[in-house]
Amino acid sequence: MSYFKKHVFFCINQRENNEACCQDFCASDVHAYAKQRIKELGQSGAGKVRMNKAGCLDRCNEGPVLVVYPEGVWYTYVDKTDIDEIIEKHLVGGDIVQRLRLP
């Protein structure tokens, strides 16, 4: 059994030379928001959900992106409303949010 039930990695990479990157979409702020929401919902800690920052996840042109393990489900998002949906439906409810899922 894994220490965490779900592990979420947010790409917060910042590229130089005007190359596409997740940080262009305020990924660090969105990560902080998601982490706070998980805490508010009582879903953080051992046996629950862990929100992590990640460097480049190599999907820059599809960004911003995050990935949920152990399922290996990749998501993109536009705003905090999308993050709320991922948290409520996938991380808490167990249902993949198809409209935000990346192939």
N, C-alpha and C. Protein backbone atom coordinates (compact mmCIF):
# COMPACT_ATOMS: atom_id res chain seq x y z
N MET A 1 0.85 -1.18 0.00
CA MET A 1 0.00 0.00 0.00
C MET A 1 0.89 1.24 0.00
N SER A 2 0.56 2.18 -0.83
CA SER A 2 1.30 3.43 -0.91
C SER A 2 1.01 4.30 0.31
N TYR A 3 1.95 5.15 0.65
CA TYR A 3 1.77 6.05 1.77
C TYR A 3 0.61 7.01 1.53
N PHE A 4 0.46 7.46 0.26
CA PHE A 4 -0.66 8.33 -0.11
C PHE A 4 -1.61 7.56 -1.02
N LYS A 5 -2.88 7.82 -0.89
CA LYS A 5 -3.87 7.19 -1.77
C LYS A 5 -3.74 7.74 -3.19
N LYS A 6 -3.54 9.05 -3.28
CA LYS A 6 -3.34 9.71 -4.57
C LYS A 6 -2.20 10.71 -4.44
N HIS A 7 -1.43 10.81 -5.50
CA HIS A 7 -0.30 11.72 -5.53
C HIS A 7 -0.47 12.59 -6.78
N VAL A 8 -0.55 13.90 -6.60
CA VAL A 8 -0.80 14.82 -7.70
C VAL A 8 0.44 15.68 -7.94
N PHE A 9 0.89 15.71 -9.18
CA PHE A 9 2.05 16.51 -9.54
C PHE A 9 1.62 17.63 -10.48
N PHE A 10 1.86 18.87 -10.08
CA PHE A 10 1.58 20.06 -10.88
C PHE A 10 2.87 20.50 -11.54
N CYS A 11 2.88 20.60 -12.85
CA CYS A 11 4.04 21.19 -13.51
C CYS A 11 4.03 22.69 -13.22
N ILE A 12 5.14 23.18 -12.70
CA ILE A 12 5.26 24.62 -12.43
C ILE A 12 6.50 25.18 -13.14
N ASN A 13 6.93 24.48 -14.16
CA ASN A 13 8.16 24.84 -14.86
C ASN A 13 8.05 26.21 -15.55
N GLN A 14 9.15 26.95 -15.51
CA GLN A 14 9.26 28.23 -16.23
C GLN A 14 10.37 28.09 -17.26
N ARG A 15 10.03 28.22 -18.52
CA ARG A 15 11.02 28.13 -19.59
C ARG A 15 11.47 29.53 -20.00
N GLU A 16 12.64 29.57 -20.58
CA GLU A 16 13.17 30.84 -21.07
C GLU A 16 12.87 30.98 -22.56
N ASN A 17 13.21 32.11 -23.12
CA ASN A 17 13.08 32.38 -24.56
C ASN A 17 11.65 32.31 -25.07
N ASN A 18 10.68 32.64 -24.23
CA ASN A 18 9.27 32.67 -24.62
C ASN A 18 8.73 31.33 -25.09
N GLU A 19 9.34 30.22 -24.65
CA GLU A 19 8.81 28.90 -24.97
C GLU A 19 7.60 28.62 -24.08
N ALA A 20 6.64 27.88 -24.61
CA ALA A 20 5.44 27.53 -23.85
C ALA A 20 5.82 26.80 -22.56
N CYS A 21 5.15 27.15 -21.47
CA CYS A 21 5.39 26.46 -20.21
C CYS A 21 4.18 26.66 -19.29
N CYS A 22 4.07 25.77 -18.32
CA CYS A 22 2.93 25.81 -17.41
C CYS A 22 2.91 27.04 -16.51
N GLN A 23 4.07 27.53 -16.15
CA GLN A 23 4.13 28.70 -15.27
C GLN A 23 3.53 29.94 -15.94
N ASP A 24 3.46 29.95 -17.26
CA ASP A 24 2.81 31.06 -17.97
C ASP A 24 1.33 31.16 -17.60
N PHE A 25 0.79 30.09 -17.02
CA PHE A 25 -0.62 30.03 -16.63
C PHE A 25 -0.78 30.08 -15.11
N CYS A 26 0.22 30.66 -14.43
CA CYS A 26 0.18 30.82 -12.96
C CYS A 26 0.08 29.48 -12.24
N ALA A 27 0.80 28.48 -12.73
CA ALA A 27 0.72 27.13 -12.19
C ALA A 27 1.08 27.07 -10.70
N SER A 28 2.02 27.87 -10.25
CA SER A 28 2.38 27.86 -8.82
C SER A 28 1.21 28.31 -7.95
N ASP A 29 0.51 29.32 -8.40
CA ASP A 29 -0.66 29.81 -7.66
C ASP A 29 -1.77 28.77 -7.64
N VAL A 30 -1.97 28.10 -8.77
CA VAL A 30 -3.01 27.08 -8.86
C VAL A 30 -2.65 25.89 -7.96
N HIS A 31 -1.38 25.51 -7.94
CA HIS A 31 -0.94 24.44 -7.05
C HIS A 31 -1.23 24.80 -5.60
N ALA A 32 -0.88 26.01 -5.20
CA ALA A 32 -1.12 26.46 -3.82
C ALA A 32 -2.61 26.42 -3.49
N TYR A 33 -3.44 26.84 -4.45
CA TYR A 33 -4.89 26.79 -4.26
C TYR A 33 -5.36 25.36 -4.06
N ALA A 34 -4.91 24.44 -4.92
CA ALA A 34 -5.32 23.04 -4.83
C ALA A 34 -4.89 22.43 -3.50
N LYS A 35 -3.68 22.73 -3.08
CA LYS A 35 -3.16 22.22 -1.82
C LYS A 35 -4.03 22.69 -0.65
N GLN A 36 -4.40 23.96 -0.67
CA GLN A 36 -5.25 24.52 0.38
C GLN A 36 -6.64 23.88 0.37
N ARG A 37 -7.21 23.68 -0.81
CA ARG A 37 -8.54 23.06 -0.92
C ARG A 37 -8.53 21.64 -0.36
N ILE A 38 -7.48 20.89 -0.68
CA ILE A 38 -7.37 19.51 -0.18
C ILE A 38 -7.31 19.52 1.35
N LYS A 39 -6.57 20.46 1.91
CA LYS A 39 -6.50 20.58 3.37
C LYS A 39 -7.87 20.93 3.95
N GLU A 40 -8.56 21.90 3.33
CA GLU A 40 -9.88 22.31 3.81
C GLU A 40 -10.87 21.17 3.79
N LEU A 41 -10.73 20.28 2.83
CA LEU A 41 -11.64 19.14 2.70
C LEU A 41 -11.23 17.96 3.58
N GLY A 42 -10.15 18.10 4.32
CA GLY A 42 -9.67 17.03 5.18
C GLY A 42 -9.10 15.85 4.41
N GLN A 43 -8.58 16.14 3.21
CA GLN A 43 -8.08 15.08 2.33
C GLN A 43 -6.57 15.05 2.22
N SER A 44 -5.85 15.78 3.06
CA SER A 44 -4.39 15.78 2.98
C SER A 44 -3.80 14.88 4.06
N GLY A 45 -2.61 14.37 3.80
CA GLY A 45 -1.91 13.58 4.79
C GLY A 45 -1.84 12.11 4.43
N ALA A 46 -1.25 11.34 5.33
CA ALA A 46 -1.05 9.91 5.10
C ALA A 46 -2.36 9.21 4.78
N GLY A 47 -2.31 8.36 3.75
CA GLY A 47 -3.49 7.62 3.34
C GLY A 47 -4.49 8.43 2.55
N LYS A 48 -4.14 9.67 2.26
CA LYS A 48 -5.07 10.55 1.54
C LYS A 48 -4.38 11.10 0.29
N VAL A 49 -4.45 12.42 0.07
CA VAL A 49 -3.93 13.04 -1.15
C VAL A 49 -2.72 13.89 -0.85
N ARG A 50 -1.72 13.81 -1.71
CA ARG A 50 -0.52 14.65 -1.61
C ARG A 50 -0.42 15.49 -2.87
N MET A 51 -0.31 16.80 -2.71
CA MET A 51 -0.14 17.74 -3.82
C MET A 51 1.34 18.14 -3.89
N ASN A 52 1.96 17.91 -5.04
CA ASN A 52 3.37 18.24 -5.20
C ASN A 52 3.61 19.15 -6.40
N LYS A 53 4.65 19.95 -6.28
CA LYS A 53 5.15 20.73 -7.41
C LYS A 53 6.09 19.83 -8.20
N ALA A 54 6.11 20.01 -9.49
CA ALA A 54 7.03 19.25 -10.34
C ALA A 54 7.69 20.19 -11.32
N GLY A 55 8.87 19.80 -11.76
CA GLY A 55 9.52 20.51 -12.85
C GLY A 55 8.82 20.15 -14.14
N CYS A 56 9.48 20.34 -15.24
CA CYS A 56 8.88 20.09 -16.54
C CYS A 56 8.41 18.65 -16.67
N LEU A 57 7.16 18.49 -17.09
CA LEU A 57 6.59 17.17 -17.32
C LEU A 57 6.52 16.84 -18.82
N ASP A 58 7.15 17.68 -19.64
CA ASP A 58 7.27 17.47 -21.08
C ASP A 58 5.96 17.46 -21.85
N ARG A 59 4.99 18.20 -21.37
CA ARG A 59 3.74 18.34 -22.11
C ARG A 59 3.40 19.83 -22.23
N CYS A 60 4.42 20.62 -22.45
CA CYS A 60 4.32 22.08 -22.42
C CYS A 60 3.26 22.64 -23.38
N ASN A 61 3.13 22.04 -24.53
CA ASN A 61 2.18 22.56 -25.52
C ASN A 61 0.74 22.22 -25.17
N GLU A 62 0.55 21.41 -24.14
CA GLU A 62 -0.80 21.05 -23.70
C GLU A 62 -1.13 21.71 -22.37
N GLY A 63 -0.23 22.55 -21.89
CA GLY A 63 -0.31 23.10 -20.55
C GLY A 63 -1.38 24.11 -20.32
N PRO A 64 -1.60 24.38 -19.08
CA PRO A 64 -0.92 23.82 -17.93
C PRO A 64 -1.38 22.39 -17.67
N VAL A 65 -0.51 21.60 -17.04
CA VAL A 65 -0.83 20.20 -16.83
C VAL A 65 -0.56 19.76 -15.39
N LEU A 66 -1.26 18.70 -15.02
CA LEU A 66 -1.01 17.99 -13.78
C LEU A 66 -1.28 16.52 -14.06
N VAL A 67 -0.71 15.66 -13.22
CA VAL A 67 -0.92 14.23 -13.37
C VAL A 67 -1.25 13.64 -12.01
N VAL A 68 -2.21 12.70 -12.00
CA VAL A 68 -2.66 12.04 -10.78
C VAL A 68 -2.20 10.59 -10.81
N TYR A 69 -1.48 10.20 -9.75
CA TYR A 69 -1.06 8.80 -9.59
C TYR A 69 -1.75 8.23 -8.37
N PRO A 70 -2.08 6.94 -8.35
CA PRO A 70 -1.48 5.89 -9.16
C PRO A 70 -2.12 5.66 -10.52
N GLU A 71 -3.21 6.35 -10.81
CA GLU A 71 -3.91 6.11 -12.07
C GLU A 71 -3.13 6.54 -13.31
N GLY A 72 -2.26 7.54 -13.16
CA GLY A 72 -1.54 8.06 -14.31
C GLY A 72 -2.44 8.87 -15.22
N VAL A 73 -3.40 9.58 -14.64
CA VAL A 73 -4.34 10.39 -15.41
C VAL A 73 -3.80 11.81 -15.50
N TRP A 74 -3.67 12.28 -16.74
CA TRP A 74 -3.17 13.63 -17.03
C TRP A 74 -4.34 14.56 -17.27
N TYR A 75 -4.22 15.78 -16.70
CA TYR A 75 -5.24 16.80 -16.88
C TYR A 75 -4.61 18.11 -17.33
N THR A 76 -5.42 18.90 -18.02
CA THR A 76 -5.13 20.31 -18.23
C THR A 76 -6.23 21.08 -17.51
N TYR A 77 -6.03 22.36 -17.32
CA TYR A 77 -7.02 23.17 -16.63
C TYR A 77 -6.91 24.61 -17.11
N VAL A 78 -7.99 25.35 -16.92
CA VAL A 78 -8.01 26.76 -17.29
C VAL A 78 -7.98 27.64 -16.05
N ASP A 79 -8.72 27.24 -15.03
CA ASP A 79 -8.85 28.09 -13.86
C ASP A 79 -9.14 27.25 -12.61
N LYS A 80 -9.40 27.92 -11.51
CA LYS A 80 -9.64 27.24 -10.24
C LYS A 80 -10.93 26.43 -10.26
N THR A 81 -11.88 26.81 -11.09
CA THR A 81 -13.11 26.03 -11.22
C THR A 81 -12.80 24.63 -11.74
N ASP A 82 -11.89 24.55 -12.71
CA ASP A 82 -11.47 23.24 -13.23
C ASP A 82 -10.76 22.44 -12.14
N ILE A 83 -9.93 23.10 -11.34
CA ILE A 83 -9.22 22.42 -10.25
C ILE A 83 -10.23 21.90 -9.23
N ASP A 84 -11.24 22.71 -8.90
CA ASP A 84 -12.28 22.26 -7.97
C ASP A 84 -12.97 21.01 -8.50
N GLU A 85 -13.23 20.98 -9.79
CA GLU A 85 -13.89 19.82 -10.39
C GLU A 85 -13.00 18.57 -10.31
N ILE A 86 -11.71 18.73 -10.60
CA ILE A 86 -10.77 17.61 -10.50
C ILE A 86 -10.70 17.10 -9.05
N ILE A 87 -10.64 18.02 -8.11
CA ILE A 87 -10.58 17.63 -6.70
C ILE A 87 -11.85 16.90 -6.29
N GLU A 88 -12.99 17.50 -6.56
CA GLU A 88 -14.25 16.93 -6.10
C GLU A 88 -14.59 15.62 -6.80
N LYS A 89 -14.44 15.59 -8.12
CA LYS A 89 -14.85 14.40 -8.86
C LYS A 89 -13.80 13.29 -8.84
N HIS A 90 -12.55 13.62 -9.06
CA HIS A 90 -11.52 12.58 -9.16
C HIS A 90 -10.87 12.27 -7.81
N LEU A 91 -10.29 13.29 -7.18
CA LEU A 91 -9.51 13.03 -5.98
C LEU A 91 -10.37 12.59 -4.80
N VAL A 92 -11.55 13.16 -4.68
CA VAL A 92 -12.46 12.78 -3.59
C VAL A 92 -13.44 11.70 -4.04
N GLY A 93 -14.05 11.90 -5.21
CA GLY A 93 -15.11 11.00 -5.67
C GLY A 93 -14.66 9.78 -6.44
N GLY A 94 -13.44 9.81 -7.00
CA GLY A 94 -12.94 8.65 -7.73
C GLY A 94 -13.31 8.59 -9.20
N ASP A 95 -13.96 9.62 -9.73
CA ASP A 95 -14.37 9.64 -11.13
C ASP A 95 -13.47 10.56 -11.94
N ILE A 96 -12.96 10.06 -13.05
CA ILE A 96 -12.10 10.86 -13.93
C ILE A 96 -12.93 11.94 -14.61
N VAL A 97 -12.38 13.14 -14.68
CA VAL A 97 -13.04 14.27 -15.33
C VAL A 97 -12.64 14.24 -16.80
N GLN A 98 -13.46 13.62 -17.62
CA GLN A 98 -13.13 13.37 -19.02
C GLN A 98 -12.90 14.66 -19.81
N ARG A 99 -13.64 15.71 -19.53
CA ARG A 99 -13.53 16.92 -20.33
C ARG A 99 -12.16 17.62 -20.16
N LEU A 100 -11.47 17.33 -19.05
CA LEU A 100 -10.17 17.95 -18.79
C LEU A 100 -9.00 16.98 -18.99
N ARG A 101 -9.32 15.75 -19.26
CA ARG A 101 -8.31 14.70 -19.38
C ARG A 101 -7.52 14.84 -20.68
N LEU A 102 -6.21 14.64 -20.56
CA LEU A 102 -5.34 14.63 -21.73
C LEU A 102 -5.09 13.17 -22.13
N PRO A 103 -4.94 12.93 -23.42
CA PRO A 103 -4.66 11.55 -23.86
C PRO A 103 -3.27 11.10 -23.44
